[in-house]
Amino acid sequence: MRLDDQICFSLATASRSVAALYRPLLEEAGLTQPQYMVMLALWEHSPATIKQIAAAVQLDHGTLTPLLKRLEAAGHLVRRRRTDDERSVEVDLTPQGRALRQQVEAIPGKISQALPLTHEESRHLRELLAKLGGAST
């Protein structure tokens, strides 16, 4: 049994490498990688409930709530109780949160250029990772 033969090791090292590429680009926008994922989900579907966001970004409620609080404190979103269901909290982008999208639009292209993968390899890798992501469900 060798370390280099373990999928968990390959995934962990690749994840750290990719995160290191994202980090400086996201820092310029004042975001962490988890905050960026939340914003991506909201740019696709806003407003959204906390439950919907948690499902989209694959984070539990306890992890997501502090992220949302920090994004709200930064002025990117607002949280409010739904009028039709007081138990549910809805999250919506502020104008500042919508404008942030333009600031980070170039990030995916910069990451693609920095990765040692062709467009086809990147697409295939995303498909394989999505397949792995569903393996535990």
Protein backbone atom coordinates (compact mmCIF):
# COMPACT_ATOMS: atom_id res chain seq x y z
CA MET A 1 0.00 0.00 0.00
CA ARG A 2 1.54 3.29 -1.16
CA LEU A 3 0.53 6.85 -0.34
CA ASP A 4 0.70 7.91 -3.99
CA ASP A 5 -1.78 5.17 -4.90
CA GLN A 6 -4.49 6.51 -2.59
CA ILE A 7 -7.32 8.51 -4.16
CA CYS A 8 -7.78 10.47 -0.92
CA PHE A 9 -4.17 11.69 -1.12
CA SER A 10 -4.46 12.71 -4.77
CA LEU A 11 -7.70 14.58 -4.09
CA ALA A 12 -6.28 16.32 -1.02
CA THR A 13 -3.13 17.52 -2.78
CA ALA A 14 -5.06 18.62 -5.87
CA SER A 15 -7.58 20.46 -3.68
CA ARG A 16 -4.80 22.35 -1.87
CA SER A 17 -3.16 23.27 -5.19
CA VAL A 18 -6.38 24.57 -6.71
CA ALA A 19 -7.31 26.45 -3.51
CA ALA A 20 -3.88 28.11 -3.61
CA LEU A 21 -4.67 29.39 -7.12
CA TYR A 22 -8.03 30.80 -6.03
CA ARG A 23 -6.85 32.35 -2.75
CA PRO A 24 -5.07 35.50 -4.04
CA LEU A 25 -7.77 36.18 -6.63
CA LEU A 26 -10.53 35.89 -4.05
CA GLU A 27 -8.61 37.95 -1.49
CA GLU A 28 -8.64 40.86 -3.96
CA ALA A 29 -12.45 40.67 -3.86
CA GLY A 30 -12.51 40.26 -0.07
CA LEU A 31 -13.84 36.70 -0.24
CA THR A 32 -12.83 33.29 1.03
CA GLN A 33 -13.41 30.22 -1.12
CA PRO A 34 -16.51 29.11 0.85
CA GLN A 35 -17.92 32.65 0.64
CA TYR A 36 -17.26 32.64 -3.12
CA MET A 37 -19.21 29.39 -3.47
CA VAL A 38 -22.15 30.90 -1.56
CA MET A 39 -22.07 33.99 -3.76
CA LEU A 40 -21.94 31.82 -6.90
CA ALA A 41 -25.06 29.99 -5.70
CA LEU A 42 -26.83 33.29 -5.01
CA TRP A 43 -25.82 34.76 -8.37
CA GLU A 44 -27.54 31.75 -9.96
CA HIS A 45 -30.67 31.84 -7.76
CA SER A 46 -31.51 34.80 -5.58
CA PRO A 47 -33.40 35.12 -3.36
CA ALA A 48 -32.95 31.67 -1.86
CA THR A 49 -33.63 30.05 1.47
CA ILE A 50 -30.78 28.95 3.69
CA LYS A 51 -31.85 25.36 3.04
CA GLN A 52 -31.57 25.90 -0.74
CA ILE A 53 -28.14 27.51 -0.42
CA ALA A 54 -26.91 24.72 1.88
CA ALA A 55 -27.99 22.13 -0.68
CA ALA A 56 -26.37 24.04 -3.55
CA VAL A 57 -22.98 24.46 -1.88
CA GLN A 58 -23.06 21.15 0.03
CA LEU A 59 -22.56 22.74 3.47
CA ASP A 60 -24.50 22.08 6.65
CA HIS A 61 -26.57 24.79 8.31
CA GLY A 62 -24.06 25.23 11.14
CA THR A 63 -21.22 25.92 8.71
CA LEU A 64 -23.29 28.07 6.36
CA THR A 65 -24.78 30.46 8.94
CA PRO A 66 -21.44 32.09 9.96
CA LEU A 67 -20.53 32.48 6.26
CA LEU A 68 -23.83 34.24 5.62
CA LYS A 69 -23.32 36.49 8.65
CA ARG A 70 -19.90 37.58 7.38
CA LEU A 71 -21.23 38.19 3.86
CA GLU A 72 -24.11 40.19 5.33
CA ALA A 73 -21.70 42.24 7.49
CA ALA A 74 -19.68 42.96 4.33
CA GLY A 75 -22.84 44.31 2.68
CA HIS A 76 -23.18 41.60 0.02
CA LEU A 77 -26.49 40.10 1.13
CA VAL A 78 -29.44 40.46 3.47
CA ARG A 79 -31.19 37.75 5.47
CA ARG A 80 -34.83 38.03 6.46
CA ARG A 81 -37.62 35.80 7.67
CA ARG A 82 -40.07 34.85 4.97
CA THR A 83 -43.48 36.43 5.44
CA ASP A 84 -45.29 33.28 4.31
CA ASP A 85 -43.23 30.99 6.61
CA GLU A 86 -41.67 32.57 9.70
CA ARG A 87 -39.52 29.45 10.25
CA SER A 88 -37.68 29.99 6.97
CA VAL A 89 -34.95 32.57 6.38
CA GLU A 90 -34.53 33.98 2.89
CA VAL A 91 -31.24 35.36 1.62
CA ASP A 92 -31.09 38.00 -1.10
CA LEU A 93 -28.25 39.86 -2.76
CA THR A 94 -27.77 43.56 -2.17
CA PRO A 95 -26.79 45.86 -5.06
CA GLN A 96 -23.23 45.60 -3.74
CA GLY A 97 -23.47 41.80 -3.81
CA ARG A 98 -24.73 41.87 -7.39
CA ALA A 99 -21.91 44.24 -8.39
CA LEU A 100 -19.33 41.92 -6.82
CA ARG A 101 -20.09 39.43 -9.58
CA GLN A 102 -18.47 41.72 -12.15
CA GLN A 103 -15.37 42.00 -9.97
CA VAL A 104 -14.88 38.22 -9.88
CA GLU A 105 -16.07 37.31 -13.39
CA ALA A 106 -12.52 36.83 -14.66
CA ILE A 107 -11.56 34.33 -11.94
CA PRO A 108 -12.72 31.13 -13.71
CA GLY A 109 -10.74 32.06 -16.83
CA LYS A 110 -7.63 32.86 -14.80
CA ILE A 111 -7.91 29.54 -12.98
CA SER A 112 -8.35 27.67 -16.28
CA GLN A 113 -5.23 29.31 -17.67
CA ALA A 114 -3.23 28.44 -14.55
CA LEU A 115 -4.23 24.77 -14.53
CA PRO A 116 -2.12 22.31 -16.54
CA LEU A 117 -5.25 20.91 -18.19
CA THR A 118 -6.86 21.31 -21.58
CA HIS A 119 -10.47 22.50 -21.76
CA GLU A 120 -11.55 18.92 -22.45
CA GLU A 121 -9.53 17.56 -19.52
CA SER A 122 -11.07 20.17 -17.21
CA ARG A 123 -14.57 19.24 -18.35
CA HIS A 124 -13.83 15.55 -17.87
CA LEU A 125 -12.33 16.17 -14.42
CA ARG A 126 -15.47 18.08 -13.32
CA GLU A 127 -17.60 15.15 -14.52
CA LEU A 128 -15.48 12.64 -12.59
CA LEU A 129 -15.49 14.79 -9.45
CA ALA A 130 -19.27 15.19 -9.68
CA LYS A 131 -19.53 11.41 -9.93
CA LEU A 132 -17.31 11.02 -6.85
CA GLY A 133 -19.30 13.68 -5.02
CA GLY A 134 -22.43 11.61 -5.46
CA ALA A 135 -20.75 8.38 -4.36
CA SER A 136 -21.57 8.86 -0.67
CA THR A 137 -25.23 9.72 -1.17
